[in-house]
Amino acid sequence: MLLTDVSFAGEVASQNQGHFYPIAGTATTRSLDGSSPLIQLQRPFVYFGNTYSILYVNHNGHLTFNSSYWSYTPQRFPLYESRDLIAPFWTDIDIRNTGLVLYNQYTNDSVLQQATQDINSYFPNLSFSAEWVFVATWYEVAYFPTTGTKATFQAVFISGGAKSFILFNYGSLAPTVWNVQAGYDTINSVHHFTIPGSFSSSATGVNSTFTLGSNVNVTGRWAFRVDSGASGCQFNGKLFCKENVFFFSLPFNKGCQIPGLKGRSPAGFLEIVSHLLLITWSRYV
């Protein structure tokens, strides 16, 4: 279990466990295709060159800045639209009877220490210090119209100075027949990223690539620097390595981090090619 205490009235107190940040804060109103009210951010958040002071947590697995967004039908990134969109798990979600959508902000406690430690681990050349953390959690939410299904995931916004990061954390994701888009998109899709497994049967269930995969070697966690440019290994549909971030996907036979290499340094091009050739050769001898 991820929660030690659950309450439906006002604030929800809980403890974080495993790779999840605290599952706590204000619960949104139960509704179909709804959203949080306008959330005034305690610190501005820079998202690919745009600075925002307000945020919406939308029930259908995404977050937006200037207005709420109720779309329950996921679309493949890039969208080439006039909206910045962060989607840890965009699909048709129904919290009218079960599950919670929660959000909370932190400016001076152990959560900042954890965020600082995490970001410096994933991006070791930045000497980063977290000043603000925003956590949105979809806790045991159901897919429409099957109220017995449960999915748990998080989006964590982290900022300090001029630097901004987003983490996606995934727990148990019940199987669903609905499509799921996970990743982020920007206005006119100047920058976009899709987590492998989106729009496939491997997005959910016991073999979910979201839950079992990672780009920072922490199972179920995906991390991105989002103040400007691109970080990660898959960006705008291309595979590359940058800023010591690495990508792996099950069954660990492709990506920037080669199994068996030590440390967090991304593999070079020749290492990747050599490893893939070795895999191919081993299958036919």
C-alpha atoms as a PDB file:
ATOM      1  CA  MET A   1       0.000   0.000   0.000  1.00  0.00           C
ATOM      2  CA  LEU A   2       1.125   3.539  -0.710  1.00  0.00           C
ATOM      3  CA  LEU A   3      -1.036   5.320   1.863  1.00  0.00           C
ATOM      4  CA  THR A   4      -1.009   4.946   5.610  1.00  0.00           C
ATOM      5  CA  ASP A   5      -4.036   7.184   6.144  1.00  0.00           C
ATOM      6  CA  VAL A   6      -6.777   8.207   3.729  1.00  0.00           C
ATOM      7  CA  SER A   7      -9.437  10.826   4.292  1.00  0.00           C
ATOM      8  CA  PHE A   8     -12.030  12.203   1.919  1.00  0.00           C
ATOM      9  CA  ALA A   9     -12.615  15.400   3.874  1.00  0.00           C
ATOM     10  CA  GLY A  10     -10.365  18.311   2.997  1.00  0.00           C
ATOM     11  CA  GLU A  11      -6.715  17.517   3.471  1.00  0.00           C
ATOM     12  CA  VAL A  12      -5.295  14.012   3.170  1.00  0.00           C
ATOM     13  CA  ALA A  13      -2.315  13.030   5.309  1.00  0.00           C
ATOM     14  CA  SER A  14      -0.060  10.196   4.223  1.00  0.00           C
ATOM     15  CA  GLN A  15       3.479   8.917   3.962  1.00  0.00           C
ATOM     16  CA  ASN A  16       5.541   8.300   0.877  1.00  0.00           C
ATOM     17  CA  GLN A  17       6.874   4.824   0.248  1.00  0.00           C
ATOM     18  CA  GLY A  18       9.327   3.455  -2.260  1.00  0.00           C
ATOM     19  CA  HIS A  19       9.948   5.804  -5.168  1.00  0.00           C
ATOM     20  CA  PHE A  20       6.751   7.812  -4.597  1.00  0.00           C
ATOM     21  CA  TYR A  21       6.807  11.299  -3.137  1.00  0.00           C
ATOM     22  CA  PRO A  22       4.257  11.930  -0.330  1.00  0.00           C
ATOM     23  CA  ILE A  23       0.717  11.060  -1.377  1.00  0.00           C
ATOM     24  CA  ALA A  24      -0.953  13.907   0.465  1.00  0.00           C
ATOM     25  CA  GLY A  25      -2.649  17.267   0.119  1.00  0.00           C
ATOM     26  CA  THR A  26      -5.905  18.583  -1.252  1.00  0.00           C
ATOM     27  CA  ALA A  27      -8.307  16.181  -2.961  1.00  0.00           C
ATOM     28  CA  THR A  28     -10.134  17.419  -6.043  1.00  0.00           C
ATOM     29  CA  THR A  29     -13.919  17.254  -6.267  1.00  0.00           C
ATOM     30  CA  ARG A  30     -15.299  13.935  -7.467  1.00  0.00           C
ATOM     31  CA  SER A  31     -16.495  14.312 -11.039  1.00  0.00           C
ATOM     32  CA  LEU A  32     -16.213  12.787 -14.491  1.00  0.00           C
ATOM     33  CA  ASP A  33     -13.694  14.524 -16.765  1.00  0.00           C
ATOM     34  CA  GLY A  34     -13.101  17.194 -14.141  1.00  0.00           C
ATOM     35  CA  SER A  35     -10.140  19.161 -12.881  1.00  0.00           C
ATOM     36  CA  SER A  36      -8.742  20.876  -9.846  1.00  0.00           C
ATOM     37  CA  PRO A  37      -9.583  24.531  -9.359  1.00  0.00           C
ATOM     38  CA  LEU A  38      -6.935  27.030 -10.431  1.00  0.00           C
ATOM     39  CA  ILE A  39      -3.851  26.345  -8.309  1.00  0.00           C
ATOM     40  CA  GLN A  40      -1.680  29.357  -7.507  1.00  0.00           C
ATOM     41  CA  LEU A  41       1.915  28.168  -7.486  1.00  0.00           C
ATOM     42  CA  GLN A  42       4.051  29.268  -4.548  1.00  0.00           C
ATOM     43  CA  ARG A  43       7.017  29.600  -6.905  1.00  0.00           C
ATOM     44  CA  PRO A  44       7.016  30.264 -10.655  1.00  0.00           C
ATOM     45  CA  PHE A  45       7.738  27.235 -12.820  1.00  0.00           C
ATOM     46  CA  VAL A  46       9.686  27.525 -16.073  1.00  0.00           C
ATOM     47  CA  TYR A  47       8.550  25.094 -18.749  1.00  0.00           C
ATOM     48  CA  PHE A  48      10.637  25.222 -21.929  1.00  0.00           C
ATOM     49  CA  GLY A  49      11.080  28.980 -21.793  1.00  0.00           C
ATOM     50  CA  ASN A  50       7.598  29.902 -20.545  1.00  0.00           C
ATOM     51  CA  THR A  51       7.176  30.958 -16.911  1.00  0.00           C
ATOM     52  CA  TYR A  52       3.924  29.920 -15.227  1.00  0.00           C
ATOM     53  CA  SER A  53       2.380  30.823 -11.878  1.00  0.00           C
ATOM     54  CA  ILE A  54      -0.843  28.781 -12.121  1.00  0.00           C
ATOM     55  CA  LEU A  55      -1.531  25.102 -12.743  1.00  0.00           C
ATOM     56  CA  TYR A  56      -4.443  22.696 -13.181  1.00  0.00           C
ATOM     57  CA  VAL A  57      -4.436  19.011 -12.263  1.00  0.00           C
ATOM     58  CA  ASN A  58      -6.863  17.340 -14.647  1.00  0.00           C
ATOM     59  CA  HIS A  59      -8.604  14.100 -13.724  1.00  0.00           C
ATOM     60  CA  ASN A  60      -7.790  12.317 -16.975  1.00  0.00           C
ATOM     61  CA  GLY A  61      -4.101  12.019 -16.185  1.00  0.00           C
ATOM     62  CA  HIS A  62      -2.605  15.305 -17.353  1.00  0.00           C
ATOM     63  CA  LEU A  63      -1.692  18.807 -16.141  1.00  0.00           C
ATOM     64  CA  THR A  64      -2.013  22.169 -17.887  1.00  0.00           C
ATOM     65  CA  PHE A  65      -1.027  25.728 -17.065  1.00  0.00           C
ATOM     66  CA  ASN A  66      -3.313  28.446 -18.393  1.00  0.00           C
ATOM     67  CA  SER A  67      -6.625  26.590 -18.315  1.00  0.00           C
ATOM     68  CA  SER A  68      -8.073  23.235 -17.344  1.00  0.00           C
ATOM     69  CA  TYR A  69      -8.263  20.516 -19.979  1.00  0.00           C
ATOM     70  CA  TRP A  70     -10.888  17.816 -19.711  1.00  0.00           C
ATOM     71  CA  SER A  71     -10.005  15.636 -22.707  1.00  0.00           C
ATOM     72  CA  TYR A  72     -10.388  11.925 -21.927  1.00  0.00           C
ATOM     73  CA  THR A  73      -9.247  10.701 -25.352  1.00  0.00           C
ATOM     74  CA  PRO A  74      -5.447  10.561 -25.524  1.00  0.00           C
ATOM     75  CA  GLN A  75      -3.681  11.725 -28.645  1.00  0.00           C
ATOM     76  CA  ARG A  76      -0.203  10.822 -29.769  1.00  0.00           C
ATOM     77  CA  PHE A  77       2.530  13.379 -29.185  1.00  0.00           C
ATOM     78  CA  PRO A  78       3.477  15.616 -30.929  1.00  0.00           C
ATOM     79  CA  LEU A  79       0.125  17.417 -31.032  1.00  0.00           C
ATOM     80  CA  TYR A  80       1.261  20.682 -32.702  1.00  0.00           C
ATOM     81  CA  GLU A  81      -1.309  22.618 -30.682  1.00  0.00           C
ATOM     82  CA  SER A  82      -1.283  25.874 -28.701  1.00  0.00           C
ATOM     83  CA  ARG A  83      -1.059  24.188 -25.300  1.00  0.00           C
ATOM     84  CA  ASP A  84       1.699  23.054 -22.964  1.00  0.00           C
ATOM     85  CA  LEU A  85       0.688  19.630 -21.682  1.00  0.00           C
ATOM     86  CA  ILE A  86       2.268  17.292 -19.140  1.00  0.00           C
ATOM     87  CA  ALA A  87       0.735  13.825 -19.254  1.00  0.00           C
ATOM     88  CA  PRO A  88       1.963  11.165 -16.846  1.00  0.00           C
ATOM     89  CA  PHE A  89      -0.973   8.924 -17.812  1.00  0.00           C
ATOM     90  CA  TRP A  90      -3.488  10.430 -20.240  1.00  0.00           C
ATOM     91  CA  THR A  91      -6.508   8.137 -20.532  1.00  0.00           C
ATOM     92  CA  ASP A  92     -10.211   7.950 -19.623  1.00  0.00           C
ATOM     93  CA  ILE A  93     -10.365   8.122 -15.811  1.00  0.00           C
ATOM     94  CA  ASP A  94     -13.446   8.213 -13.572  1.00  0.00           C
ATOM     95  CA  ILE A  95     -13.131   9.222  -9.894  1.00  0.00           C
ATOM     96  CA  ARG A  96     -16.840   9.728  -9.192  1.00  0.00           C
ATOM     97  CA  ASN A  97     -16.979   6.681  -6.916  1.00  0.00           C
ATOM     98  CA  THR A  98     -13.436   5.606  -6.148  1.00  0.00           C
ATOM     99  CA  GLY A  99      -9.864   6.828  -6.158  1.00  0.00           C
ATOM    100  CA  LEU A 100      -8.377  10.227  -5.375  1.00  0.00           C
ATOM    101  CA  VAL A 101      -6.658  13.011  -7.274  1.00  0.00           C
ATOM    102  CA  LEU A 102      -4.462  14.945  -4.835  1.00  0.00           C
ATOM    103  CA  TYR A 103      -2.029  17.842  -5.018  1.00  0.00           C
ATOM    104  CA  ASN A 104       0.348  19.568  -2.628  1.00  0.00           C
ATOM    105  CA  GLN A 105       3.199  22.103  -2.623  1.00  0.00           C
ATOM    106  CA  TYR A 106       6.393  22.086  -0.562  1.00  0.00           C
ATOM    107  CA  THR A 107       8.877  24.900   0.065  1.00  0.00           C
ATOM    108  CA  ASN A 108      10.790  24.001   3.234  1.00  0.00           C
ATOM    109  CA  ASP A 109      10.892  20.419   4.456  1.00  0.00           C
ATOM    110  CA  SER A 110      12.339  16.980   3.846  1.00  0.00           C
ATOM    111  CA  VAL A 111      10.620  16.798   0.463  1.00  0.00           C
ATOM    112  CA  LEU A 112      12.977  19.509  -0.813  1.00  0.00           C
ATOM    113  CA  GLN A 113      15.930  17.545   0.496  1.00  0.00           C
ATOM    114  CA  GLN A 114      14.715  14.439  -1.305  1.00  0.00           C
ATOM    115  CA  ALA A 115      14.155  16.391  -4.534  1.00  0.00           C
ATOM    116  CA  THR A 116      17.627  17.915  -4.318  1.00  0.00           C
ATOM    117  CA  GLN A 117      19.162  14.495  -3.809  1.00  0.00           C
ATOM    118  CA  ASP A 118      17.182  12.939  -6.656  1.00  0.00           C
ATOM    119  CA  ILE A 119      17.961  15.626  -9.223  1.00  0.00           C
ATOM    120  CA  ASN A 120      21.667  15.735  -8.395  1.00  0.00           C
ATOM    121  CA  SER A 121      21.754  11.962  -8.732  1.00  0.00           C
ATOM    122  CA  TYR A 122      20.106  12.008 -12.161  1.00  0.00           C
ATOM    123  CA  PHE A 123      21.828  15.192 -13.411  1.00  0.00           C
ATOM    124  CA  PRO A 124      25.160  15.118 -11.537  1.00  0.00           C
ATOM    125  CA  ASN A 125      26.806  18.141 -13.160  1.00  0.00           C
ATOM    126  CA  LEU A 126      24.255  20.760 -12.121  1.00  0.00           C
ATOM    127  CA  SER A 127      24.859  21.322  -8.365  1.00  0.00           C
ATOM    128  CA  PHE A 128      21.098  21.745  -8.052  1.00  0.00           C
ATOM    129  CA  SER A 129      19.210  22.863  -4.939  1.00  0.00           C
ATOM    130  CA  ALA A 130      15.422  22.428  -4.914  1.00  0.00           C
ATOM    131  CA  GLU A 131      13.417  25.436  -3.720  1.00  0.00           C
ATOM    132  CA  TRP A 132       9.905  24.241  -4.535  1.00  0.00           C
ATOM    133  CA  VAL A 133       8.167  20.919  -5.181  1.00  0.00           C
ATOM    134  CA  PHE A 134       4.636  20.304  -6.442  1.00  0.00           C
ATOM    135  CA  VAL A 135       3.236  16.775  -6.224  1.00  0.00           C
ATOM    136  CA  ALA A 136       0.101  15.603  -8.038  1.00  0.00           C
ATOM    137  CA  THR A 137      -1.058  12.053  -7.334  1.00  0.00           C
ATOM    138  CA  TRP A 138      -3.736   9.950  -8.974  1.00  0.00           C
ATOM    139  CA  TYR A 139      -4.289   7.338  -6.264  1.00  0.00           C
ATOM    140  CA  GLU A 140      -6.095   4.103  -7.149  1.00  0.00           C
ATOM    141  CA  VAL A 141      -8.196   5.876  -9.764  1.00  0.00           C
ATOM    142  CA  ALA A 142     -10.555   3.853 -11.941  1.00  0.00           C
ATOM    143  CA  TYR A 143     -10.870   3.714 -15.694  1.00  0.00           C
ATOM    144  CA  PHE A 144     -14.234   4.698 -17.130  1.00  0.00           C
ATOM    145  CA  PRO A 145     -16.612   2.898 -16.813  1.00  0.00           C
ATOM    146  CA  THR A 146     -15.021   0.067 -14.777  1.00  0.00           C
ATOM    147  CA  THR A 147     -14.991   1.227 -11.157  1.00  0.00           C
ATOM    148  CA  GLY A 148     -13.144  -1.863  -9.929  1.00  0.00           C
ATOM    149  CA  THR A 149      -9.918  -0.981 -11.753  1.00  0.00           C
ATOM    150  CA  LYS A 150      -7.119   0.863  -9.964  1.00  0.00           C
ATOM    151  CA  ALA A 151      -4.153   2.880 -11.220  1.00  0.00           C
ATOM    152  CA  THR A 152      -1.687   4.919  -9.162  1.00  0.00           C
ATOM    153  CA  PHE A 153       0.812   7.417 -10.565  1.00  0.00           C
ATOM    154  CA  GLN A 154       2.380  10.812  -9.852  1.00  0.00           C
ATOM    155  CA  ALA A 155       3.725  13.935 -11.500  1.00  0.00           C
ATOM    156  CA  VAL A 156       6.332  15.824  -9.459  1.00  0.00           C
ATOM    157  CA  PHE A 157       7.359  19.354 -10.460  1.00  0.00           C
ATOM    158  CA  ILE A 158      10.703  20.514  -9.026  1.00  0.00           C
ATOM    159  CA  SER A 159      12.308  23.938  -9.398  1.00  0.00           C
ATOM    160  CA  GLY A 160      15.340  25.753  -8.056  1.00  0.00           C
ATOM    161  CA  GLY A 161      16.891  28.896  -9.462  1.00  0.00           C
ATOM    162  CA  ALA A 162      16.319  28.883 -13.216  1.00  0.00           C
ATOM    163  CA  LYS A 163      16.177  25.093 -13.474  1.00  0.00           C
ATOM    164  CA  SER A 164      13.007  22.991 -13.684  1.00  0.00           C
ATOM    165  CA  PHE A 165      12.405  19.258 -13.657  1.00  0.00           C
ATOM    166  CA  ILE A 166       9.477  16.859 -13.832  1.00  0.00           C
ATOM    167  CA  LEU A 167       9.354  13.340 -12.440  1.00  0.00           C
ATOM    168  CA  PHE A 168       6.751  10.718 -13.308  1.00  0.00           C
ATOM    169  CA  ASN A 169       6.303   7.946 -10.732  1.00  0.00           C
ATOM    170  CA  TYR A 170       4.294   4.818 -11.530  1.00  0.00           C
ATOM    171  CA  GLY A 171       2.833   2.207  -9.210  1.00  0.00           C
ATOM    172  CA  SER A 172       0.312  -0.510  -9.984  1.00  0.00           C
ATOM    173  CA  LEU A 173      -1.536   0.169 -13.247  1.00  0.00           C
ATOM    174  CA  ALA A 174      -4.522  -2.098 -13.826  1.00  0.00           C
ATOM    175  CA  PRO A 175      -4.934  -3.341 -17.397  1.00  0.00           C
ATOM    176  CA  THR A 176      -7.252  -1.326 -19.610  1.00  0.00           C
ATOM    177  CA  VAL A 177      -8.553  -1.484 -23.164  1.00  0.00           C
ATOM    178  CA  TRP A 178      -8.175   2.298 -23.443  1.00  0.00           C
ATOM    179  CA  ASN A 179      -5.140   3.882 -25.067  1.00  0.00           C
ATOM    180  CA  VAL A 180      -2.673   5.700 -22.815  1.00  0.00           C
ATOM    181  CA  GLN A 181      -0.333   8.552 -23.738  1.00  0.00           C
ATOM    182  CA  ALA A 182       2.517   9.313 -21.331  1.00  0.00           C
ATOM    183  CA  GLY A 183       5.060  12.084 -21.760  1.00  0.00           C
ATOM    184  CA  TYR A 184       4.993  15.802 -22.379  1.00  0.00           C
ATOM    185  CA  ASP A 185       4.285  18.224 -25.194  1.00  0.00           C
ATOM    186  CA  THR A 186       4.798  21.955 -25.689  1.00  0.00           C
ATOM    187  CA  ILE A 187       3.153  24.745 -27.638  1.00  0.00           C
ATOM    188  CA  ASN A 188       3.477  23.863 -31.331  1.00  0.00           C
ATOM    189  CA  SER A 189       5.364  20.727 -30.199  1.00  0.00           C
ATOM    190  CA  VAL A 190       8.728  22.465 -30.306  1.00  0.00           C
ATOM    191  CA  HIS A 191       9.695  19.987 -27.588  1.00  0.00           C
ATOM    192  CA  HIS A 192       7.958  16.704 -26.874  1.00  0.00           C
ATOM    193  CA  PHE A 193       8.631  13.291 -25.407  1.00  0.00           C
ATOM    194  CA  THR A 194       6.696  10.021 -25.375  1.00  0.00           C
ATOM    195  CA  ILE A 195       7.428   7.302 -22.840  1.00  0.00           C
ATOM    196  CA  PRO A 196       7.893   3.967 -24.627  1.00  0.00           C
ATOM    197  CA  GLY A 197       4.817   1.786 -24.304  1.00  0.00           C
ATOM    198  CA  SER A 198       2.343   4.593 -24.916  1.00  0.00           C
ATOM    199  CA  PHE A 199      -0.523   3.551 -27.188  1.00  0.00           C
ATOM    200  CA  SER A 200       0.301  -0.114 -26.685  1.00  0.00           C
ATOM    201  CA  SER A 201      -0.866  -2.966 -24.487  1.00  0.00           C
ATOM    202  CA  SER A 202       2.392  -2.728 -22.525  1.00  0.00           C
ATOM    203  CA  ALA A 203       1.366   0.609 -21.005  1.00  0.00           C
ATOM    204  CA  THR A 204      -0.611  -1.090 -18.242  1.00  0.00           C
ATOM    205  CA  GLY A 205      -0.840  -4.395 -16.409  1.00  0.00           C
ATOM    206  CA  VAL A 206       1.796  -6.380 -14.547  1.00  0.00           C
ATOM    207  CA  ASN A 207       4.302  -5.891 -17.370  1.00  0.00           C
ATOM    208  CA  SER A 208       3.752  -2.152 -17.785  1.00  0.00           C
ATOM    209  CA  THR A 209       6.803  -0.476 -19.303  1.00  0.00           C
ATOM    210  CA  PHE A 210       5.875   2.661 -17.344  1.00  0.00           C
ATOM    211  CA  THR A 211       6.074   0.821 -14.017  1.00  0.00           C
ATOM    212  CA  LEU A 212       8.957  -1.534 -14.832  1.00  0.00           C
ATOM    213  CA  GLY A 213      11.002   0.884 -16.932  1.00  0.00           C
ATOM    214  CA  SER A 214      12.881   4.095 -16.188  1.00  0.00           C
ATOM    215  CA  ASN A 215      15.267   6.594 -17.721  1.00  0.00           C
ATOM    216  CA  VAL A 216      17.129   7.142 -14.435  1.00  0.00           C
ATOM    217  CA  ASN A 217      17.652   3.557 -13.269  1.00  0.00           C
ATOM    218  CA  VAL A 218      14.928   3.802 -10.612  1.00  0.00           C
ATOM    219  CA  THR A 219      12.193   1.340 -11.500  1.00  0.00           C
ATOM    220  CA  GLY A 220       8.913   3.136 -12.147  1.00  0.00           C
ATOM    221  CA  ARG A 221      10.421   6.631 -12.323  1.00  0.00           C
ATOM    222  CA  TRP A 222      11.050   8.873 -15.317  1.00  0.00           C
ATOM    223  CA  ALA A 223      12.870  12.212 -14.980  1.00  0.00           C
ATOM    224  CA  PHE A 224      13.106  15.177 -17.332  1.00  0.00           C
ATOM    225  CA  ARG A 225      14.726  18.590 -17.289  1.00  0.00           C
ATOM    226  CA  VAL A 226      12.152  20.971 -18.720  1.00  0.00           C
ATOM    227  CA  ASP A 227      13.352  24.567 -18.308  1.00  0.00           C
ATOM    228  CA  SER A 228      14.863  24.578 -21.805  1.00  0.00           C
ATOM    229  CA  GLY A 229      16.069  22.215 -24.474  1.00  0.00           C
ATOM    230  CA  ALA A 230      15.885  18.463 -24.150  1.00  0.00           C
ATOM    231  CA  SER A 231      17.164  15.888 -21.734  1.00  0.00           C
ATOM    232  CA  GLY A 232      16.841  12.166 -22.026  1.00  0.00           C
ATOM    233  CA  CYS A 233      17.457   9.640 -24.730  1.00  0.00           C
ATOM    234  CA  GLN A 234      14.303   9.812 -26.801  1.00  0.00           C
ATOM    235  CA  PHE A 235      13.408  13.303 -27.964  1.00  0.00           C
ATOM    236  CA  ASN A 236      11.243  14.298 -30.909  1.00  0.00           C
ATOM    237  CA  GLY A 237      11.241  10.680 -31.990  1.00  0.00           C
ATOM    238  CA  LYS A 238      15.034  10.281 -32.049  1.00  0.00           C
ATOM    239  CA  LEU A 239      17.382   8.337 -29.795  1.00  0.00           C
ATOM    240  CA  PHE A 240      20.240  10.249 -28.222  1.00  0.00           C
ATOM    241  CA  CYS A 241      22.094  10.710 -24.939  1.00  0.00           C
ATOM    242  CA  LYS A 242      22.553  13.982 -23.103  1.00  0.00           C
ATOM    243  CA  GLU A 243      23.469  15.199 -19.627  1.00  0.00           C
ATOM    244  CA  ASN A 244      24.162  11.745 -18.184  1.00  0.00           C
ATOM    245  CA  VAL A 245      20.549  10.659 -18.518  1.00  0.00           C
ATOM    246  CA  PHE A 246      20.020   7.166 -19.787  1.00  0.00           C
ATOM    247  CA  PHE A 247      17.102   5.178 -21.027  1.00  0.00           C
ATOM    248  CA  PHE A 248      16.333   1.524 -20.794  1.00  0.00           C
ATOM    249  CA  SER A 249      13.316  -0.489 -21.718  1.00  0.00           C
ATOM    250  CA  LEU A 250      12.379  -4.071 -21.175  1.00  0.00           C
ATOM    251  CA  PRO A 251      13.911  -6.465 -22.028  1.00  0.00           C
ATOM    252  CA  PHE A 252      16.934  -4.169 -21.619  1.00  0.00           C
ATOM    253  CA  ASN A 253      18.222  -4.697 -25.122  1.00  0.00           C
ATOM    254  CA  LYS A 254      18.283  -1.154 -26.451  1.00  0.00           C
ATOM    255  CA  GLY A 255      18.928   2.367 -25.311  1.00  0.00           C
ATOM    256  CA  CYS A 256      21.723   4.583 -24.078  1.00  0.00           C
ATOM    257  CA  GLN A 257      22.608   2.699 -20.907  1.00  0.00           C
ATOM    258  CA  ILE A 258      24.165  -0.645 -21.748  1.00  0.00           C
ATOM    259  CA  PRO A 259      23.546  -3.398 -19.167  1.00  0.00           C
ATOM    260  CA  GLY A 260      26.787  -4.288 -17.426  1.00  0.00           C
ATOM    261  CA  LEU A 261      28.314  -0.810 -17.619  1.00  0.00           C
ATOM    262  CA  LYS A 262      29.062   0.741 -14.245  1.00  0.00           C
ATOM    263  CA  GLY A 263      28.069   4.201 -13.065  1.00  0.00           C
ATOM    264  CA  ARG A 264      25.677   6.654 -14.626  1.00  0.00           C
ATOM    265  CA  SER A 265      27.624   7.704 -17.701  1.00  0.00           C
ATOM    266  CA  PRO A 266      25.630   7.143 -20.891  1.00  0.00           C
ATOM    267  CA  ALA A 267      26.975   4.709 -23.415  1.00  0.00           C
ATOM    268  CA  GLY A 268      28.569   6.067 -26.552  1.00  0.00           C
ATOM    269  CA  PHE A 269      27.403   5.313 -30.064  1.00  0.00           C
ATOM    270  CA  LEU A 270      30.003   2.605 -30.688  1.00  0.00           C
ATOM    271  CA  GLU A 271      29.142   0.897 -27.398  1.00  0.00           C
ATOM    272  CA  ILE A 272      25.464   0.834 -28.332  1.00  0.00           C
ATOM    273  CA  VAL A 273      26.175  -0.568 -31.805  1.00  0.00           C
ATOM    274  CA  SER A 274      28.602  -3.147 -30.411  1.00  0.00           C
ATOM    275  CA  HIS A 275      26.107  -4.275 -27.805  1.00  0.00           C
ATOM    276  CA  LEU A 276      23.293  -4.620 -30.330  1.00  0.00           C
ATOM    277  CA  LEU A 277      25.555  -6.575 -32.688  1.00  0.00           C
ATOM    278  CA  LEU A 278      26.481  -8.873 -29.811  1.00  0.00           C
ATOM    279  CA  ILE A 279      22.800  -9.479 -29.038  1.00  0.00           C
ATOM    280  CA  THR A 280      22.059 -10.215 -32.705  1.00  0.00           C
ATOM    281  CA  TRP A 281      25.048 -12.569 -32.987  1.00  0.00           C
ATOM    282  CA  SER A 282      24.091 -14.445 -29.800  1.00  0.00           C
ATOM    283  CA  ARG A 283      20.631 -15.181 -31.165  1.00  0.00           C
ATOM    284  CA  TYR A 284      21.951 -16.999 -34.204  1.00  0.00           C
ATOM    285  CA  VAL A 285      24.845 -19.025 -32.814  1.00  0.00           C
END
